[in-house]
Amino acid sequence: MVWPARPARRVGPGVPGPDGRSDGVRSRVLSAPFIICHRSTCGAIHGKPDESPDLSRRFVPISRLHPQTDRRAFAADLLALSYCRSDPHVGHRTRERAMDDRPLIITDDDNVLDDLLRISAAAGVEVTHSRDPGQRGLWRSASLVLIDAPLVAGAVSARLGRRPGVVVVAADEPDAGLWEQCVRLGVDRTVLLAHSEEFLVGVLSDAAIGGPGDGRCIAVVGACGGAGASVFAAALAVVAGRSGDHVLLADCDPWGPGLDVVLGVESGGGMRWTDLSAPSGRLPAEALRRALPAVTVGPGRLSVLCHDRRSESDIDPEVVDVVLDSGRRAGGLTVVDLPRHPTPVADRVLEQADLTLLLAPAEVRGCFAAGRICRRFADLGARPGLVVRGPSPGGLGAQDVADVLELPLLGRLRAEPKLARDIEFGRLPGWDGRSSVARAAARVLASVGAPVR
């Protein structure tokens, strides 16, 4: 049995419980917002129906969980999230937290509620439940409303105002009468519960994140070895983080030194690419940031996703899609360091990036190498920009390189002899706003509309 509130001590016959009575476990059952137990246990706990006439509504028998659901994980999710139901026995904690912006489930069908709670747990989202479709406060404040089809008529009768983010959940195909009521209520979408679990997980995750969904992604590629692409990618993330943004720096070059080394967090814990094994689905950006190694940059936070040095396995392109989608939906900036050579992951990132930054040295060899990479950019439909790193041994200017490659020049990097020494001693590249690398990074960020301080 799993308790969403403080766990009770084991109580036997005649042994006083936490409340001073011999039925301490039972008293905690009566105050719990939901109970997960084996079906054979439900009848034993019901015992005295007069103490709680609607106690049965709060039971979730294990046998009613989806057969493919990890039951222990589901129970742990419910325990951690402490879902609240609009039940008078839940107590003041539910009433205090009801008027917030959590997704709202409106249903008086216990089977539908159990299914939606299971889906909410899969999305990692805390929700509010109401059996009354006429509660205007909850209707207005919720970030998302999932309403059971039989209660749509009640919501229309209550004259609830139109609002975005209303999804009707139906058990069967809607009839003409339900469609008419949905139009009057201003419903965004009507779905069949049995066939729309993945969609519901997605909309619940989006509602919980609450981001604007307009995040930016910048991919950085070096024209040749030693161009400084990894350092400049780190500088981009540092300068963006100084503005107070949460930035994700992703290292997709398994044969490089690692961006965690560039930032001086290689000995820290946290997740790596190999720990992200889910090939599909949605990943809450905040949960990802908390799990990654990070450095504090002024008011912002810079999270780093890099490779595990003990593993040489390639990244799954589907996992990269999930990570990029997470950052974009959260409205943050994602900077990706890519290898020069073609890989499925690099091609996937180039197709999705808002800007592909090519870093080339101001020399003839760098121009020829950059020209080959530019042809690959064109084949993938990438949106490229150029940063040229000096000095030039033959007097080749940054604009000359841009003209040869036919790319927009976004920045110039002067030689900084102390940059390598600063990185060696763990100083962040781009931290000094007066440095050449910081000024070039700021111009690049401004070109994609990212905030810069």
Protein backbone atom coordinates (compact mmCIF):
# COMPACT_ATOMS: atom_id res chain seq x y z
CA MET A 1 0.00 0.00 0.00
CA VAL A 2 1.38 3.42 -0.93
CA TRP A 3 0.50 6.58 0.99
CA PRO A 4 0.73 9.98 -0.72
CA ALA A 5 1.00 11.67 2.68
CA ARG A 6 3.46 10.99 5.51
CA PRO A 7 3.90 7.19 5.72
CA ALA A 8 2.32 5.45 8.72
CA ARG A 9 4.21 3.14 11.03
CA ARG A 10 3.28 -0.51 10.89
CA VAL A 11 0.34 -1.03 13.27
CA GLY A 12 -0.87 -4.39 14.52
CA PRO A 13 -3.92 -5.41 16.51
CA GLY A 14 -4.08 -3.57 19.82
CA VAL A 15 -0.98 -1.44 19.04
CA PRO A 16 -1.66 2.33 19.16
CA GLY A 17 -1.19 4.08 15.85
CA PRO A 18 0.28 7.52 15.15
CA ASP A 19 -3.02 9.14 16.15
CA GLY A 20 -3.25 7.29 19.47
CA ARG A 21 -5.83 4.80 18.21
CA SER A 22 -5.37 1.14 17.40
CA ASP A 23 -6.65 1.78 13.87
CA GLY A 24 -4.00 4.38 12.99
CA VAL A 25 -3.56 2.97 9.50
CA ARG A 26 -7.28 3.24 8.85
CA SER A 27 -7.40 6.87 9.98
CA ARG A 28 -4.61 7.67 7.55
CA VAL A 29 -6.56 5.91 4.79
CA LEU A 30 -9.56 8.13 5.51
CA SER A 31 -7.45 11.28 5.11
CA ALA A 32 -5.53 10.19 1.98
CA PRO A 33 -6.48 11.75 -1.37
CA PHE A 34 -5.93 8.39 -3.14
CA ILE A 35 -5.06 4.85 -2.14
CA ILE A 36 -3.23 2.25 -4.25
CA CYS A 37 -3.71 -1.28 -3.00
CA HIS A 38 -4.45 -4.80 -4.06
CA ARG A 39 -8.11 -5.40 -4.84
CA SER A 40 -8.40 -7.95 -2.02
CA THR A 41 -7.25 -5.29 0.44
CA CYS A 42 -9.84 -2.72 -0.62
CA GLY A 43 -12.72 -4.57 1.00
CA ALA A 44 -10.86 -4.97 4.28
CA ILE A 45 -10.07 -1.27 4.45
CA HIS A 46 -13.60 -0.15 3.50
CA GLY A 47 -14.83 -1.70 6.74
CA LYS A 48 -17.11 1.08 8.00
CA PRO A 49 -18.63 2.89 5.02
CA ASP A 50 -20.43 5.32 7.32
CA GLU A 51 -17.11 7.00 8.23
CA SER A 52 -16.42 7.95 4.62
CA PRO A 53 -19.33 7.39 2.23
CA ASP A 54 -17.24 8.23 -0.83
CA LEU A 55 -14.09 6.38 0.25
CA SER A 56 -14.42 4.02 -2.69
CA ARG A 57 -13.85 6.88 -5.11
CA ARG A 58 -10.30 7.26 -3.85
CA PHE A 59 -9.20 3.63 -4.31
CA VAL A 60 -6.96 2.76 -7.25
CA PRO A 61 -6.74 -1.05 -7.34
CA ILE A 62 -3.47 -2.27 -8.77
CA SER A 63 -5.34 -4.57 -11.16
CA ARG A 64 -6.83 -1.50 -12.89
CA LEU A 65 -3.45 -0.16 -13.97
CA HIS A 66 -2.48 -0.53 -17.59
CA PRO A 67 -0.80 -3.93 -18.14
CA GLN A 68 2.30 -2.27 -19.61
CA THR A 69 2.66 0.18 -16.74
CA ASP A 70 5.52 -0.26 -14.30
CA ARG A 71 3.38 -0.41 -11.19
CA ARG A 72 6.11 0.45 -8.73
CA ALA A 73 7.18 3.42 -10.84
CA PHE A 74 3.57 4.56 -11.16
CA ALA A 75 3.07 4.37 -7.42
CA ALA A 76 6.29 6.27 -6.83
CA ASP A 77 5.18 8.97 -9.24
CA LEU A 78 1.90 9.38 -7.39
CA LEU A 79 3.72 9.50 -4.09
CA ALA A 80 6.12 12.16 -5.28
CA LEU A 81 3.60 14.31 -7.10
CA SER A 82 0.83 14.14 -4.47
CA TYR A 83 -1.98 14.65 -6.92
CA CYS A 84 -4.87 16.49 -5.35
CA ARG A 85 -8.50 15.64 -5.92
CA SER A 86 -11.46 17.84 -5.17
CA ASP A 87 -12.60 15.68 -2.24
CA PRO A 88 -13.61 17.04 1.17
CA HIS A 89 -11.48 14.38 2.88
CA VAL A 90 -8.26 15.60 1.29
CA GLY A 91 -8.03 18.50 3.77
CA HIS A 92 -6.73 22.03 3.66
CA ARG A 93 -3.62 21.15 1.62
CA THR A 94 -5.72 20.47 -1.48
CA ARG A 95 -7.79 23.62 -1.06
CA GLU A 96 -4.67 25.76 -0.62
CA ARG A 97 -3.08 24.46 -3.81
CA ALA A 98 -6.21 24.21 -5.95
CA MET A 99 -6.13 27.80 -7.21
CA ASP A 100 -2.96 27.59 -9.25
CA ASP A 101 -1.98 27.05 -12.84
CA ARG A 102 -1.66 23.28 -12.82
CA PRO A 103 -3.50 21.30 -15.52
CA LEU A 104 -7.12 20.66 -14.53
CA ILE A 105 -8.94 17.34 -14.99
CA ILE A 106 -12.74 17.62 -14.95
CA THR A 107 -14.49 14.27 -14.69
CA ASP A 108 -16.85 12.41 -12.37
CA ASP A 109 -15.98 9.03 -13.87
CA ASP A 110 -13.47 7.19 -11.69
CA ASN A 111 -12.22 5.00 -14.55
CA VAL A 112 -11.51 8.04 -16.72
CA LEU A 113 -9.85 9.76 -13.79
CA ASP A 114 -7.60 6.77 -13.12
CA ASP A 115 -6.51 6.70 -16.77
CA LEU A 116 -5.78 10.45 -16.82
CA LEU A 117 -3.82 10.25 -13.56
CA ARG A 118 -1.74 7.44 -15.04
CA ILE A 119 -1.06 9.56 -18.13
CA SER A 120 -0.21 12.57 -15.95
CA ALA A 121 2.27 10.44 -14.01
CA ALA A 122 3.88 9.36 -17.28
CA ALA A 123 4.25 13.03 -18.21
CA GLY A 124 5.67 13.86 -14.77
CA VAL A 125 2.98 16.51 -14.23
CA GLU A 126 1.08 17.47 -11.09
CA VAL A 127 -2.63 18.05 -11.74
CA THR A 128 -5.80 19.27 -10.05
CA HIS A 129 -9.07 17.34 -10.23
CA SER A 130 -12.63 18.62 -10.07
CA ARG A 131 -15.95 16.81 -10.43
CA ASP A 132 -17.80 20.09 -10.98
CA PRO A 133 -17.44 21.64 -14.47
CA GLY A 134 -18.76 24.99 -13.20
CA GLN A 135 -15.79 26.05 -11.01
CA ARG A 136 -14.81 29.30 -12.72
CA GLY A 137 -11.67 29.92 -10.68
CA LEU A 138 -10.11 26.61 -11.62
CA TRP A 139 -11.28 27.00 -15.21
CA ARG A 140 -9.56 30.39 -15.57
CA SER A 141 -6.30 29.63 -13.75
CA ALA A 142 -5.44 26.17 -15.11
CA SER A 143 -2.70 25.98 -17.73
CA LEU A 144 -4.61 23.17 -19.47
CA VAL A 145 -8.11 21.73 -19.08
CA LEU A 146 -8.91 18.07 -19.80
CA ILE A 147 -12.67 17.68 -19.57
CA ASP A 148 -14.61 14.43 -19.82
CA ALA A 149 -17.06 14.45 -22.74
CA PRO A 150 -20.23 13.88 -20.62
CA LEU A 151 -19.47 17.05 -18.61
CA VAL A 152 -19.10 19.38 -21.60
CA ALA A 153 -22.83 20.16 -21.50
CA GLY A 154 -22.47 21.19 -17.84
CA ALA A 155 -19.58 23.51 -18.68
CA VAL A 156 -21.65 25.11 -21.44
CA SER A 157 -24.61 25.55 -19.07
CA ALA A 158 -22.32 27.20 -16.50
CA ARG A 159 -21.47 29.83 -19.16
CA LEU A 160 -17.74 29.43 -18.69
CA GLY A 161 -15.66 31.91 -20.67
CA ARG A 162 -13.74 30.85 -23.73
CA ARG A 163 -10.09 30.09 -23.09
CA PRO A 164 -7.23 28.36 -24.89
CA GLY A 165 -5.98 24.91 -23.94
CA VAL A 166 -9.25 22.99 -23.56
CA VAL A 167 -9.19 19.33 -24.63
CA VAL A 168 -12.25 17.09 -24.50
CA VAL A 169 -11.52 13.45 -23.65
CA ALA A 170 -14.11 11.02 -24.99
CA ALA A 171 -14.52 7.29 -24.61
CA ASP A 172 -16.42 6.92 -27.90
CA GLU A 173 -16.69 8.79 -31.18
CA PRO A 174 -18.38 12.17 -30.53
CA ASP A 175 -21.88 12.66 -31.91
CA ALA A 176 -23.29 15.80 -33.51
CA GLY A 177 -24.61 17.09 -30.19
CA LEU A 178 -21.19 16.89 -28.54
CA TRP A 179 -19.53 18.62 -31.48
CA GLU A 180 -21.99 21.50 -31.19
CA GLN A 181 -21.32 21.86 -27.46
CA CYS A 182 -17.56 21.78 -28.08
CA VAL A 183 -17.87 24.64 -30.55
CA ARG A 184 -19.89 26.67 -28.07
CA LEU A 185 -17.32 26.03 -25.33
CA GLY A 186 -14.37 26.89 -27.58
CA VAL A 187 -12.65 23.51 -27.34
CA ASP A 188 -9.24 23.25 -29.00
CA ARG A 189 -9.37 19.52 -29.65
CA THR A 190 -11.42 16.39 -28.98
CA VAL A 191 -9.56 13.09 -28.54
CA LEU A 192 -10.40 9.47 -27.87
CA LEU A 193 -8.83 8.44 -24.58
CA ALA A 194 -7.94 4.92 -25.71
CA HIS A 195 -5.96 6.14 -28.75
CA SER A 196 -4.47 9.46 -27.60
CA GLU A 197 -2.23 8.70 -24.63
CA GLU A 198 0.93 9.91 -26.38
CA PHE A 199 -0.79 13.15 -27.42
CA LEU A 200 -2.06 13.74 -23.88
CA VAL A 201 1.40 13.13 -22.41
CA GLY A 202 2.71 15.77 -24.82
CA VAL A 203 0.14 18.47 -24.04
CA LEU A 204 0.47 17.87 -20.30
CA SER A 205 4.26 18.19 -20.54
CA ASP A 206 3.91 21.41 -22.54
CA ALA A 207 1.47 22.84 -20.02
CA ALA A 208 3.78 22.01 -17.11
CA ILE A 209 6.81 23.56 -18.79
CA GLY A 210 4.92 26.75 -19.49
CA GLY A 211 7.59 28.03 -21.88
CA PRO A 212 6.84 30.17 -24.90
CA GLY A 213 7.98 27.44 -27.30
CA ASP A 214 10.29 29.76 -29.24
CA GLY A 215 13.68 28.51 -28.10
CA ARG A 216 16.72 28.92 -30.35
CA CYS A 217 19.29 26.37 -31.45
CA ILE A 218 22.79 27.29 -32.70
CA ALA A 219 25.05 24.63 -34.17
CA VAL A 220 28.82 25.29 -34.26
CA VAL A 221 31.12 23.55 -36.75
CA GLY A 222 34.85 24.03 -37.26
CA ALA A 223 36.12 24.31 -40.83
CA CYS A 224 39.26 22.37 -39.93
CA GLY A 225 41.09 20.97 -36.95
CA GLY A 226 42.18 23.57 -34.41
CA ALA A 227 39.71 26.21 -35.62
CA GLY A 228 38.42 26.65 -32.07
CA ALA A 229 34.81 25.58 -32.59
CA SER A 230 34.43 23.92 -29.17
CA VAL A 231 35.83 26.94 -27.33
CA PHE A 232 33.59 29.31 -29.27
CA ALA A 233 30.54 27.12 -28.63
CA ALA A 234 31.31 27.32 -24.91
CA ALA A 235 31.76 31.10 -25.18
CA LEU A 236 28.36 31.44 -26.87
CA ALA A 237 26.73 29.57 -23.99
CA VAL A 238 28.59 31.60 -21.35
CA VAL A 239 27.68 34.96 -22.89
CA ALA A 240 24.04 33.87 -23.24
CA GLY A 241 24.03 32.68 -19.63
CA ARG A 242 25.25 36.08 -18.42
CA SER A 243 21.90 37.53 -19.52
CA GLY A 244 20.10 35.35 -16.95
CA ASP A 245 18.95 32.70 -19.40
CA HIS A 246 19.08 28.96 -18.80
CA VAL A 247 21.35 27.62 -21.54
CA LEU A 248 21.97 24.04 -22.65
CA LEU A 249 25.38 23.29 -24.18
CA ALA A 250 25.36 19.94 -26.00
CA ASP A 251 28.55 18.19 -27.10
CA CYS A 252 27.86 16.01 -30.15
CA ASP A 253 31.50 15.42 -31.06
CA PRO A 254 32.50 12.13 -29.40
CA TRP A 255 36.15 12.46 -30.45
CA GLY A 256 36.73 15.93 -29.07
CA PRO A 257 38.13 16.79 -25.62
CA GLY A 258 34.65 17.36 -24.24
CA LEU A 259 32.91 20.62 -23.43
CA ASP A 260 32.87 19.66 -19.76
CA VAL A 261 36.68 19.91 -19.88
CA VAL A 262 36.50 23.33 -21.54
CA LEU A 263 34.20 24.54 -18.75
CA GLY A 264 36.14 22.81 -15.97
CA VAL A 265 33.35 20.49 -14.78
CA GLU A 266 34.75 17.20 -16.08
CA SER A 267 35.00 15.75 -12.57
CA GLY A 268 31.44 16.62 -11.61
CA GLY A 269 28.56 14.19 -11.56
CA GLY A 270 25.43 14.31 -13.65
CA MET A 271 23.94 12.63 -16.67
CA ARG A 272 25.72 12.02 -19.96
CA TRP A 273 24.43 11.13 -23.42
CA THR A 274 24.55 7.42 -22.62
CA ASP A 275 22.13 7.96 -19.74
CA LEU A 276 19.45 9.27 -22.09
CA SER A 277 18.18 5.99 -23.44
CA ALA A 278 14.56 6.87 -24.28
CA PRO A 279 14.37 7.00 -28.08
CA SER A 280 11.14 9.02 -28.23
CA GLY A 281 8.72 11.05 -26.19
CA ARG A 282 9.04 14.45 -24.49
CA LEU A 283 11.57 15.51 -21.93
CA PRO A 284 10.84 18.35 -19.47
CA ALA A 285 13.62 20.88 -19.90
CA GLU A 286 13.81 21.70 -16.20
CA ALA A 287 14.22 18.04 -15.27
CA LEU A 288 17.02 17.69 -17.83
CA ARG A 289 18.82 20.79 -16.56
CA ARG A 290 18.73 19.59 -12.96
CA ALA A 291 20.24 16.24 -13.98
CA LEU A 292 23.19 17.64 -15.96
CA PRO A 293 26.54 19.04 -14.85
CA ALA A 294 26.22 22.82 -14.68
CA VAL A 295 28.07 26.04 -13.98
CA THR A 296 26.58 29.28 -12.70
CA VAL A 297 27.18 32.21 -15.03
CA GLY A 298 26.10 35.43 -13.37
CA PRO A 299 22.31 35.22 -12.91
CA GLY A 300 22.05 32.37 -15.42
CA ARG A 301 22.81 28.67 -15.36
CA LEU A 302 24.70 26.75 -18.00
CA SER A 303 24.00 23.02 -18.25
CA VAL A 304 26.34 20.73 -20.19
CA LEU A 305 25.37 17.50 -21.94
CA CYS A 306 28.47 15.64 -23.03
CA HIS A 307 29.88 12.16 -23.60
CA ASP A 308 30.88 9.55 -21.08
CA ARG A 309 34.59 8.90 -21.55
CA ARG A 310 34.15 5.25 -20.70
CA SER A 311 31.77 4.71 -23.63
CA GLU A 312 32.42 5.07 -27.34
CA SER A 313 28.85 4.42 -28.48
CA ASP A 314 27.25 6.84 -30.90
CA ILE A 315 24.35 9.06 -29.89
CA ASP A 316 20.92 7.96 -31.03
CA PRO A 317 19.57 10.67 -33.41
CA GLU A 318 16.11 10.20 -31.88
CA VAL A 319 17.50 11.14 -28.47
CA VAL A 320 19.02 14.28 -29.98
CA ASP A 321 15.59 15.16 -31.39
CA VAL A 322 14.06 14.86 -27.91
CA VAL A 323 16.75 17.09 -26.36
CA LEU A 324 16.46 19.79 -29.04
CA ASP A 325 12.67 19.72 -28.84
CA SER A 326 12.85 20.08 -25.06
CA GLY A 327 14.99 23.19 -25.28
CA ARG A 328 12.87 24.74 -28.01
CA ARG A 329 9.59 24.20 -26.15
CA ALA A 330 11.06 25.68 -22.97
CA GLY A 331 12.05 28.86 -24.81
CA GLY A 332 15.75 28.56 -23.97
CA LEU A 333 18.94 28.57 -26.00
CA THR A 334 20.64 25.34 -27.05
CA VAL A 335 24.20 25.47 -28.38
CA VAL A 336 25.46 22.31 -30.08
CA ASP A 337 29.10 21.55 -30.85
CA LEU A 338 29.21 19.34 -33.97
CA PRO A 339 32.00 17.32 -35.60
CA ARG A 340 33.25 18.31 -39.05
CA HIS A 341 32.66 14.91 -40.61
CA PRO A 342 29.11 13.84 -41.55
CA THR A 343 27.24 11.74 -39.01
CA PRO A 344 23.51 10.97 -38.62
CA VAL A 345 23.42 13.09 -35.45
CA ALA A 346 25.24 16.05 -37.04
CA ASP A 347 22.95 15.99 -40.07
CA ARG A 348 19.88 15.87 -37.82
CA VAL A 349 21.07 18.92 -35.86
CA LEU A 350 21.97 20.87 -39.00
CA GLU A 351 18.47 20.33 -40.36
CA GLN A 352 16.88 21.76 -37.20
CA ALA A 353 19.26 24.53 -36.10
CA ASP A 354 18.17 28.15 -36.44
CA LEU A 355 21.77 29.08 -37.21
CA THR A 356 24.73 26.92 -38.24
CA LEU A 357 27.91 28.76 -37.36
CA LEU A 358 31.01 27.89 -39.34
CA LEU A 359 34.27 28.85 -37.63
CA ALA A 360 37.13 29.19 -40.12
CA PRO A 361 40.72 30.43 -39.74
CA ALA A 362 41.79 33.32 -41.98
CA GLU A 363 44.06 31.22 -44.19
CA VAL A 364 43.91 29.53 -47.58
CA ARG A 365 43.73 25.99 -46.20
CA GLY A 366 40.84 26.97 -43.97
CA CYS A 367 38.97 28.45 -46.95
CA PHE A 368 39.25 25.23 -48.97
CA ALA A 369 38.10 23.12 -46.00
CA ALA A 370 35.23 25.49 -45.30
CA GLY A 371 34.13 25.34 -48.95
CA ARG A 372 33.62 21.58 -48.75
CA ILE A 373 31.56 21.92 -45.58
CA CYS A 374 29.44 24.70 -47.13
CA ARG A 375 28.37 22.34 -49.90
CA ARG A 376 27.15 19.93 -47.26
CA PHE A 377 25.26 22.74 -45.55
CA ALA A 378 23.47 23.51 -48.81
CA ASP A 379 22.46 19.87 -49.30
CA LEU A 380 20.89 19.78 -45.81
CA GLY A 381 19.16 23.15 -46.09
CA ALA A 382 21.13 24.61 -43.16
CA ARG A 383 21.11 28.36 -42.41
CA PRO A 384 24.83 29.16 -42.16
CA GLY A 385 26.80 32.10 -40.82
CA LEU A 386 30.54 32.66 -40.61
CA VAL A 387 32.99 33.62 -37.89
CA VAL A 388 36.62 34.11 -38.98
CA ARG A 389 39.49 33.61 -36.56
CA GLY A 390 42.71 35.53 -37.01
CA PRO A 391 45.48 36.25 -37.34
CA SER A 392 45.99 35.66 -41.05
CA PRO A 393 49.49 34.49 -42.03
CA GLY A 394 49.02 35.83 -45.57
CA GLY A 395 46.98 38.97 -44.95
CA LEU A 396 43.62 37.38 -45.82
CA GLY A 397 40.84 39.47 -44.32
CA ALA A 398 37.66 38.18 -42.66
CA GLN A 399 35.45 39.75 -45.31
CA ASP A 400 37.59 38.16 -48.03
CA VAL A 401 36.89 34.72 -46.53
CA ALA A 402 33.17 35.50 -46.33
CA ASP A 403 33.09 36.63 -49.96
CA VAL A 404 34.84 33.47 -51.15
CA LEU A 405 32.45 31.22 -49.20
CA GLU A 406 29.41 33.41 -49.97
CA LEU A 407 28.36 33.39 -46.31
CA PRO A 408 27.24 36.27 -44.09
CA LEU A 409 30.06 37.39 -41.80
CA LEU A 410 28.79 37.40 -38.22
CA GLY A 411 32.01 37.92 -36.27
CA ARG A 412 35.79 38.25 -36.20
CA LEU A 413 38.09 36.71 -33.62
CA ARG A 414 41.41 38.33 -32.88
CA ALA A 415 44.29 36.32 -31.46
CA GLU A 416 44.01 35.99 -27.67
CA PRO A 417 47.21 34.45 -26.29
CA LYS A 418 45.84 34.27 -22.76
CA LEU A 419 42.66 32.39 -23.77
CA ALA A 420 44.36 28.97 -23.76
CA ARG A 421 45.93 29.72 -20.39
CA ASP A 422 42.59 30.82 -18.93
CA ILE A 423 40.92 27.57 -20.04
CA GLU A 424 43.83 25.57 -18.62
CA PHE A 425 43.18 27.13 -15.22
CA GLY A 426 39.40 26.61 -15.40
CA ARG A 427 38.30 30.13 -16.39
CA LEU A 428 35.23 30.25 -18.59
CA PRO A 429 35.74 31.42 -22.18
CA GLY A 430 33.68 34.53 -22.87
CA TRP A 431 33.35 35.49 -19.19
CA ASP A 432 35.25 38.73 -19.78
CA GLY A 433 32.85 40.81 -21.83
CA ARG A 434 35.71 42.92 -23.20
CA SER A 435 37.46 39.97 -24.83
CA SER A 436 37.32 39.37 -28.56
CA VAL A 437 35.60 36.00 -28.17
CA ALA A 438 32.89 37.48 -25.93
CA ARG A 439 32.18 40.37 -28.32
CA ALA A 440 31.96 38.00 -31.30
CA ALA A 441 29.66 35.67 -29.35
CA ALA A 442 27.39 38.60 -28.46
CA ARG A 443 27.06 39.58 -32.12
CA VAL A 444 26.18 36.00 -33.08
CA LEU A 445 23.55 35.78 -30.35
CA ALA A 446 22.02 39.07 -31.41
CA SER A 447 21.64 37.73 -34.95
CA VAL A 448 19.20 35.06 -33.71
CA GLY A 449 17.39 37.31 -31.27
CA ALA A 450 18.88 35.82 -28.11
CA PRO A 451 19.17 38.20 -25.12
CA VAL A 452 22.69 39.48 -24.48
CA ARG A 453 24.07 41.36 -21.48
